[in-house]
């Protein structure tokens, strides 16, 4: 059921209420206004303007290759396209790691320039002070725990590393999740976390928990839109495509090529001169 209306946008209060009622909610990545409009009309209540735009939009090989200004621009675009959705802005690499004051200013820009409803940070327990400062500044923070793509080079890996595979790692994740809640995080996002660990976290915190390949216990579930639409070359196991839009786009392009090459009237016509003016040429 689509609860979004002009007088009833999706807010943090909405998501908290759904979580308390054990109601699941869908979330997708989005990077432009047109797509946001269609996703909102389909009833998707939460949109993540992810730093995965580096790969999906810019063709880069890692999410670290995206700038703060670019992320602010596309976040505002998504919010314009879907003003009733809860829009989450992803803080890019080095926009919050170097200096707490700079991080707070940059996060604030997501709320003002980017019109986001919340910001997402890839964190562990060492970011507790920063999350607390942002929360006290009035910035809704979503704490991204588990696999952190921005740390891929530091960890020396190219694909997702499952977080919490041992009991010790799982206990640390649970402790970090509870710490982030105490520091004021309004939501948690768990990526590449085993389902039994996610379930323990969900049981021990009160804020909404969103999963990205983290099992069914999470209130929200998010995947990259292009994965869902069958437009990516490598398909995550937790995000099987439910459409074949890549092939559909390829087919549409092929048809347009034929229309143009065959001189079809559909290509290149559509406007006319005023009556009697063509004879004067």
Protein backbone atom coordinates (compact mmCIF):
# COMPACT_ATOMS: atom_id res chain seq x y z
CA UNK A 1 0.00 0.00 0.00
CA UNK A 2 1.33 3.42 -0.97
CA UNK A 3 0.96 5.77 2.02
CA UNK A 4 2.55 8.76 0.27
CA UNK A 5 0.21 11.65 -0.44
CA UNK A 6 0.81 15.42 -0.74
CA UNK A 7 -0.34 15.81 2.86
CA UNK A 8 1.30 12.63 4.12
CA UNK A 9 4.98 12.39 3.17
CA UNK A 10 7.18 9.62 4.52
CA UNK A 11 9.11 10.92 7.54
CA UNK A 12 11.36 9.46 10.19
CA UNK A 13 8.30 9.27 12.42
CA UNK A 14 6.58 7.16 9.74
CA UNK A 15 9.49 4.70 9.61
CA UNK A 16 9.64 4.47 13.40
CA UNK A 17 5.92 3.73 13.52
CA UNK A 18 6.23 1.02 10.85
CA UNK A 19 9.12 -0.55 12.75
CA UNK A 20 7.12 -0.62 15.98
CA UNK A 21 4.29 -2.32 14.07
CA UNK A 22 6.68 -4.86 12.49
CA UNK A 23 5.83 -3.48 9.08
CA UNK A 24 8.47 -3.95 6.41
CA UNK A 25 9.45 -1.15 4.04
CA UNK A 26 11.29 -1.11 0.72
CA UNK A 27 14.24 1.09 -0.17
CA UNK A 28 16.13 1.50 -3.44
CA UNK A 29 19.09 3.53 -4.61
CA UNK A 30 18.28 6.38 -6.96
CA UNK A 31 20.38 9.04 -8.67
CA UNK A 32 18.08 11.29 -10.74
CA UNK A 33 14.73 13.06 -10.60
CA UNK A 34 12.98 11.16 -13.40
CA UNK A 35 13.72 7.74 -11.94
CA UNK A 36 12.79 9.02 -8.48
CA UNK A 37 9.39 10.10 -9.76
CA UNK A 38 8.67 6.64 -11.18
CA UNK A 39 9.91 4.84 -8.07
CA UNK A 40 7.72 7.04 -5.88
CA UNK A 41 4.69 6.36 -8.08
CA UNK A 42 5.43 2.66 -7.60
CA UNK A 43 5.17 3.11 -3.85
CA UNK A 44 8.84 2.96 -2.80
CA UNK A 45 8.89 5.03 0.41
CA UNK A 46 12.64 5.40 0.97
CA UNK A 47 15.31 6.32 -1.57
CA UNK A 48 19.06 6.19 -0.99
CA UNK A 49 21.19 8.50 -3.09
CA UNK A 50 24.17 6.20 -2.75
CA UNK A 51 27.83 6.79 -3.45
CA UNK A 52 27.35 3.78 -5.74
CA UNK A 53 26.58 6.56 -8.22
CA UNK A 54 30.32 6.46 -8.81
CA UNK A 55 29.89 3.09 -10.52
CA UNK A 56 26.31 3.31 -11.77
CA UNK A 57 26.43 6.86 -13.15
CA UNK A 58 30.09 7.77 -13.63
CA UNK A 59 31.43 4.37 -14.67
CA UNK A 60 34.15 4.29 -12.03
CA UNK A 61 35.44 1.10 -10.39
CA UNK A 62 34.84 2.13 -6.78
CA UNK A 63 32.42 4.17 -4.70
CA UNK A 64 35.23 6.42 -3.47
CA UNK A 65 35.37 8.20 -6.84
CA UNK A 66 32.51 10.62 -6.30
CA UNK A 67 32.65 14.18 -4.99
CA UNK A 68 30.66 15.90 -2.27
CA UNK A 69 29.27 18.51 -4.68
CA UNK A 70 28.16 15.83 -7.13
CA UNK A 71 26.39 13.92 -4.35
CA UNK A 72 24.66 17.10 -3.17
CA UNK A 73 23.48 17.85 -6.71
CA UNK A 74 21.97 14.44 -7.36
CA UNK A 75 20.48 14.19 -3.85
CA UNK A 76 18.57 17.42 -4.45
CA UNK A 77 17.49 16.10 -7.85
CA UNK A 78 16.08 12.92 -6.33
CA UNK A 79 14.19 14.90 -3.69
CA UNK A 80 12.70 17.15 -6.39
CA UNK A 81 11.59 14.07 -8.29
CA UNK A 82 10.12 12.37 -5.22
CA UNK A 83 9.30 15.06 -2.65
CA UNK A 84 7.08 12.72 -0.60
CA UNK A 85 9.74 10.02 -0.21
CA UNK A 86 12.22 9.81 2.65
CA UNK A 87 15.49 10.61 0.88
CA UNK A 88 18.80 9.54 2.41
CA UNK A 89 22.03 11.17 1.25
CA UNK A 90 25.21 9.09 1.24
CA UNK A 91 28.24 11.02 2.54
CA UNK A 92 31.12 10.29 0.15
CA UNK A 93 34.66 9.23 0.92
CA UNK A 94 36.68 11.88 2.82
CA UNK A 95 33.67 14.14 3.40
CA UNK A 96 33.50 13.12 7.08
CA UNK A 97 36.65 11.17 7.99
CA UNK A 98 39.27 13.93 8.28
CA UNK A 99 37.79 16.50 10.66
CA UNK A 100 34.66 16.48 12.82
CA UNK A 101 33.79 20.14 12.24
CA UNK A 102 34.13 19.72 8.48
CA UNK A 103 32.07 16.55 8.65
CA UNK A 104 29.24 18.33 10.48
CA UNK A 105 29.26 21.18 7.96
CA UNK A 106 29.22 18.74 5.05
CA UNK A 107 26.38 16.75 6.62
CA UNK A 108 24.46 19.96 7.14
CA UNK A 109 24.82 20.74 3.44
CA UNK A 110 23.04 17.47 2.64
CA UNK A 111 20.04 18.76 4.58
CA UNK A 112 20.13 22.29 3.10
CA UNK A 113 21.63 22.14 -0.40
CA UNK A 114 20.78 18.48 -0.96
CA UNK A 115 17.34 18.59 0.71
CA UNK A 116 17.98 15.17 2.24
CA UNK A 117 15.96 13.84 5.16
CA UNK A 118 18.99 12.05 6.65
CA UNK A 119 22.64 11.34 5.94
CA UNK A 120 24.34 7.95 5.87
CA UNK A 121 27.88 7.35 7.11
CA UNK A 122 29.96 4.18 6.92
CA UNK A 123 31.11 3.73 10.51
CA UNK A 124 32.33 1.51 13.30
CA UNK A 125 32.65 2.25 17.00
CA UNK A 126 35.51 4.70 16.41
CA UNK A 127 33.02 7.15 14.85
CA UNK A 128 30.84 7.31 17.97
CA UNK A 129 31.91 10.83 18.95
CA UNK A 130 31.23 12.16 15.44
CA UNK A 131 27.79 10.57 15.31
CA UNK A 132 27.02 12.12 18.68
CA UNK A 133 28.14 15.57 17.53
CA UNK A 134 26.09 15.36 14.36
CA UNK A 135 23.05 14.24 16.31
CA UNK A 136 23.40 17.12 18.76
CA UNK A 137 23.65 19.47 15.78
CA UNK A 138 20.24 18.24 14.61
CA UNK A 139 21.45 16.04 11.78
CA UNK A 140 19.60 12.71 11.38
CA UNK A 141 22.36 10.10 11.00
CA UNK A 142 22.00 6.62 9.55
CA UNK A 143 24.91 4.48 10.79
CA UNK A 144 26.11 2.08 8.08
CA UNK A 145 27.71 -0.96 9.79
CA UNK A 146 29.16 -4.23 8.55
CA UNK A 147 30.81 -4.24 5.14
CA UNK A 148 31.99 -0.70 4.37
CA UNK A 149 32.78 -0.27 0.67
CA UNK A 150 34.76 2.91 1.31
CA UNK A 151 37.25 0.79 3.27
CA UNK A 152 37.83 -1.71 0.44
CA UNK A 153 41.30 -0.47 -0.42
CA UNK A 154 42.32 -0.41 3.24
CA UNK A 155 41.09 -3.98 3.66
CA UNK A 156 42.75 -5.10 0.42
CA UNK A 157 39.58 -6.57 -1.10
CA UNK A 158 37.62 -5.92 -4.29
CA UNK A 159 34.28 -7.48 -3.40
CA UNK A 160 32.08 -7.41 -0.34
CA UNK A 161 33.57 -8.96 2.77
CA UNK A 162 30.99 -10.56 5.03
CA UNK A 163 31.05 -8.88 8.44
CA UNK A 164 30.31 -10.83 11.63
CA UNK A 165 31.23 -14.34 10.48
CA UNK A 166 32.85 -15.18 13.82
CA UNK A 167 31.31 -14.85 17.25
CA UNK A 168 33.86 -12.18 18.22
CA UNK A 169 33.12 -10.12 15.11
CA UNK A 170 29.39 -10.54 15.69
CA UNK A 171 29.64 -9.36 19.31
CA UNK A 172 31.58 -6.29 18.13
CA UNK A 173 28.95 -5.48 15.51
CA UNK A 174 26.19 -5.77 18.07
CA UNK A 175 28.12 -3.53 20.47
CA UNK A 176 28.73 -0.96 17.72
CA UNK A 177 25.05 -0.97 16.77
CA UNK A 178 23.98 -0.29 20.35
CA UNK A 179 26.65 2.39 20.68
CA UNK A 180 25.44 4.17 17.54
CA UNK A 181 21.89 4.16 18.88
CA UNK A 182 23.08 5.66 22.18
CA UNK A 183 24.97 8.34 20.26
CA UNK A 184 21.77 9.37 18.51
CA UNK A 185 21.76 7.53 15.18
CA UNK A 186 18.18 7.52 13.92
CA UNK A 187 18.58 4.34 11.87
CA UNK A 188 21.08 1.59 11.20
CA UNK A 189 22.01 0.05 7.87
CA UNK A 190 23.64 -3.39 7.93
CA UNK A 191 25.50 -4.53 4.83
CA UNK A 192 26.75 -8.09 4.22
CA UNK A 193 25.93 -9.27 7.74
CA UNK A 194 24.81 -12.86 8.49
CA UNK A 195 21.08 -13.06 9.25
CA UNK A 196 21.48 -14.36 12.80
CA UNK A 197 23.69 -11.39 13.66
CA UNK A 198 21.24 -8.94 12.10
CA UNK A 199 18.43 -10.53 14.07
CA UNK A 200 20.33 -10.01 17.34
CA UNK A 201 20.87 -6.35 16.47
CA UNK A 202 17.21 -5.84 15.56
CA UNK A 203 16.22 -7.38 18.89
CA UNK A 204 18.53 -5.13 20.89
CA UNK A 205 17.91 -1.70 19.35
CA UNK A 206 14.78 0.39 19.01
CA UNK A 207 15.65 2.34 15.86
CA UNK A 208 14.71 1.08 12.38
CA UNK A 209 17.27 -1.31 10.91
CA UNK A 210 17.75 -1.56 7.14
CA UNK A 211 19.42 -4.57 5.59
CA UNK A 212 21.54 -4.82 2.47
CA UNK A 213 22.22 -8.52 2.13
CA UNK A 214 21.67 -8.88 5.87
CA UNK A 215 18.74 -11.27 6.16
CA UNK A 216 14.98 -10.96 6.67
CA UNK A 217 14.89 -9.64 10.24
CA UNK A 218 15.57 -6.05 9.18
CA UNK A 219 12.59 -3.70 8.91
CA UNK A 220 13.84 -2.21 5.66
CA UNK A 221 15.55 -3.81 2.68
CA UNK A 222 17.71 -1.94 0.16
CA UNK A 223 19.43 -2.94 -3.07
CA UNK A 224 21.02 -1.01 -5.90
CA UNK A 225 18.30 -0.19 -8.41
CA UNK A 226 20.34 -1.31 -11.40
CA UNK A 227 20.85 -4.72 -9.79
CA UNK A 228 17.10 -5.07 -9.32
CA UNK A 229 16.46 -4.09 -12.93
CA UNK A 230 18.99 -6.50 -14.40
CA UNK A 231 21.29 -3.77 -15.67
CA UNK A 232 24.56 -4.75 -13.99
CA UNK A 233 27.15 -7.29 -15.09
CA UNK A 234 27.78 -8.81 -11.65
CA UNK A 235 24.59 -9.72 -9.82
CA UNK A 236 24.71 -9.81 -5.99
CA UNK A 237 23.28 -13.04 -4.63
CA UNK A 238 20.87 -11.15 -2.37
CA UNK A 239 19.49 -9.00 -5.21
CA UNK A 240 18.16 -11.24 -8.00
CA UNK A 241 16.77 -9.14 -10.86
CA UNK A 242 13.00 -8.85 -11.12
CA UNK A 243 13.17 -7.16 -14.54
CA UNK A 244 15.41 -7.25 -17.59
CA UNK A 245 15.63 -3.55 -18.27
CA UNK A 246 19.14 -3.82 -19.66
CA UNK A 247 17.89 -6.04 -22.47
CA UNK A 248 14.81 -3.84 -22.92
CA UNK A 249 16.99 -0.75 -23.28
CA UNK A 250 19.23 -2.57 -25.72
CA UNK A 251 16.21 -3.60 -27.77
CA UNK A 252 14.80 -0.06 -27.80
CA UNK A 253 18.16 1.31 -28.98
CA UNK A 254 18.32 -1.31 -31.72
CA UNK A 255 14.84 -0.44 -32.92
CA UNK A 256 15.68 3.27 -33.04
CA UNK A 257 18.79 2.53 -35.10
CA UNK A 258 16.63 0.67 -37.65
CA UNK A 259 14.02 3.44 -37.75
CA UNK A 260 16.66 6.05 -38.54
CA UNK A 261 18.59 3.92 -41.02
CA UNK A 262 15.43 3.02 -42.94
CA UNK A 263 14.30 6.63 -43.23
CA UNK A 264 11.09 6.00 -41.34
CA UNK A 265 8.87 9.06 -41.10
CA UNK A 266 8.92 8.66 -37.31
CA UNK A 267 12.52 9.90 -37.34
CA UNK A 268 13.23 13.58 -37.96
CA UNK A 269 9.70 14.88 -38.64
CA UNK A 270 7.05 16.39 -36.45
CA UNK A 271 7.12 20.19 -36.97
CA UNK A 272 5.66 22.19 -39.85
CA UNK A 273 6.08 25.70 -41.26
CA UNK A 274 3.20 28.11 -41.26
CA UNK A 275 0.73 27.60 -44.09
CA UNK A 276 2.01 28.98 -47.37
CA UNK A 277 5.53 29.65 -46.09
CA UNK A 278 7.18 26.54 -47.50
CA UNK A 279 6.46 27.75 -51.07
CA UNK A 280 8.61 30.84 -50.44
CA UNK A 281 11.74 28.77 -49.87
